[in-house]
Amino acid sequence: MKRFEYDILFCKVKKQKDYDEMRHALNERGAEGWEVISAEAGDYGYTAFLKREVADQPEEAVT
């Protein structure tokens, strides 16, 4: 069965350059295997909800 972990990323956006910083942060997370599943705009920026699959731990052999 697939398992996931979740994270929340908040990005303040007040100026155009803030979008570049937000894009950079999202690209860094994407390189780590995270994907955005939802995003919400607020008064002070954006909140992105992320998830990534967790690798299953191999079961130890019983001896």
C-alpha atoms as a PDB file:
ATOM      1  CA  MET A   1       0.000   0.000   0.000  1.00  0.00           C
ATOM      2  CA  LYS A   2       1.293   3.456  -0.848  1.00  0.00           C
ATOM      3  CA  ARG A   3       2.060   5.774   2.046  1.00  0.00           C
ATOM      4  CA  PHE A   4       2.538   9.528   1.923  1.00  0.00           C
ATOM      5  CA  GLU A   5       3.927  12.287   4.087  1.00  0.00           C
ATOM      6  CA  TYR A   6       2.647  15.845   3.970  1.00  0.00           C
ATOM      7  CA  ASP A   7       4.087  19.313   4.441  1.00  0.00           C
ATOM      8  CA  ILE A   8       2.874  22.903   4.345  1.00  0.00           C
ATOM      9  CA  LEU A   9       4.806  25.733   2.704  1.00  0.00           C
ATOM     10  CA  PHE A  10       3.878  29.376   3.281  1.00  0.00           C
ATOM     11  CA  CYS A  11       5.209  32.035   0.921  1.00  0.00           C
ATOM     12  CA  LYS A  12       4.813  35.753   1.577  1.00  0.00           C
ATOM     13  CA  VAL A  13       4.016  37.596  -1.638  1.00  0.00           C
ATOM     14  CA  LYS A  14       4.024  41.396  -1.595  1.00  0.00           C
ATOM     15  CA  LYS A  15       6.146  42.252  -4.637  1.00  0.00           C
ATOM     16  CA  GLN A  16       6.766  40.695  -8.040  1.00  0.00           C
ATOM     17  CA  LYS A  17      10.179  39.360  -6.912  1.00  0.00           C
ATOM     18  CA  ASP A  18       8.405  37.359  -4.216  1.00  0.00           C
ATOM     19  CA  TYR A  19       6.925  35.159  -6.945  1.00  0.00           C
ATOM     20  CA  ASP A  20      10.448  34.275  -8.066  1.00  0.00           C
ATOM     21  CA  GLU A  21      11.327  33.270  -4.494  1.00  0.00           C
ATOM     22  CA  MET A  22       8.123  31.232  -4.258  1.00  0.00           C
ATOM     23  CA  ARG A  23       8.891  29.506  -7.560  1.00  0.00           C
ATOM     24  CA  HIS A  24      12.425  28.739  -6.346  1.00  0.00           C
ATOM     25  CA  ALA A  25      11.109  27.254  -3.065  1.00  0.00           C
ATOM     26  CA  LEU A  26       8.578  25.102  -4.932  1.00  0.00           C
ATOM     27  CA  ASN A  27      11.207  23.896  -7.407  1.00  0.00           C
ATOM     28  CA  GLU A  28      13.501  22.929  -4.512  1.00  0.00           C
ATOM     29  CA  ARG A  29      10.698  20.933  -2.913  1.00  0.00           C
ATOM     30  CA  GLY A  30       9.848  19.331  -6.263  1.00  0.00           C
ATOM     31  CA  ALA A  31      13.457  18.172  -6.624  1.00  0.00           C
ATOM     32  CA  GLU A  32      13.055  16.464  -3.227  1.00  0.00           C
ATOM     33  CA  GLY A  33      10.009  14.554  -4.493  1.00  0.00           C
ATOM     34  CA  TRP A  34       7.265  16.829  -3.119  1.00  0.00           C
ATOM     35  CA  GLU A  35       4.249  17.780  -5.216  1.00  0.00           C
ATOM     36  CA  VAL A  36       1.687  20.488  -4.583  1.00  0.00           C
ATOM     37  CA  ILE A  37      -1.758  19.025  -3.980  1.00  0.00           C
ATOM     38  CA  SER A  38      -3.485  22.302  -3.138  1.00  0.00           C
ATOM     39  CA  ALA A  39      -2.717  26.004  -2.694  1.00  0.00           C
ATOM     40  CA  GLU A  40      -4.654  28.826  -1.107  1.00  0.00           C
ATOM     41  CA  ALA A  41      -4.242  32.572  -1.464  1.00  0.00           C
ATOM     42  CA  GLY A  42      -4.433  34.615   1.728  1.00  0.00           C
ATOM     43  CA  ASP A  43      -4.014  38.236   2.733  1.00  0.00           C
ATOM     44  CA  TYR A  44      -0.232  37.955   3.021  1.00  0.00           C
ATOM     45  CA  GLY A  45       0.712  35.283   0.503  1.00  0.00           C
ATOM     46  CA  TYR A  46       0.102  31.686  -0.457  1.00  0.00           C
ATOM     47  CA  THR A  47      -0.060  28.469   1.484  1.00  0.00           C
ATOM     48  CA  ALA A  48       0.824  25.345  -0.477  1.00  0.00           C
ATOM     49  CA  PHE A  49       0.018  21.858   0.744  1.00  0.00           C
ATOM     50  CA  LEU A  50       2.479  19.221  -0.435  1.00  0.00           C
ATOM     51  CA  LYS A  51       2.805  15.452  -0.373  1.00  0.00           C
ATOM     52  CA  ARG A  52       5.344  12.847  -1.362  1.00  0.00           C
ATOM     53  CA  GLU A  53       5.372   9.096  -1.320  1.00  0.00           C
ATOM     54  CA  VAL A  54       7.207   7.398   1.527  1.00  0.00           C
ATOM     55  CA  ALA A  55       9.322   4.439   0.534  1.00  0.00           C
ATOM     56  CA  ASP A  56       8.194   1.230   2.187  1.00  0.00           C
ATOM     57  CA  GLN A  57      10.625  -0.161   4.716  1.00  0.00           C
ATOM     58  CA  PRO A  58      11.660  -3.711   3.815  1.00  0.00           C
ATOM     59  CA  GLU A  59      10.428  -6.234   6.313  1.00  0.00           C
ATOM     60  CA  GLU A  60      13.221  -7.841   8.279  1.00  0.00           C
ATOM     61  CA  ALA A  61      13.588 -11.543   7.770  1.00  0.00           C
ATOM     62  CA  VAL A  62      12.699 -13.604  10.785  1.00  0.00           C
ATOM     63  CA  THR A  63      15.495 -16.059  11.633  1.00  0.00           C
END
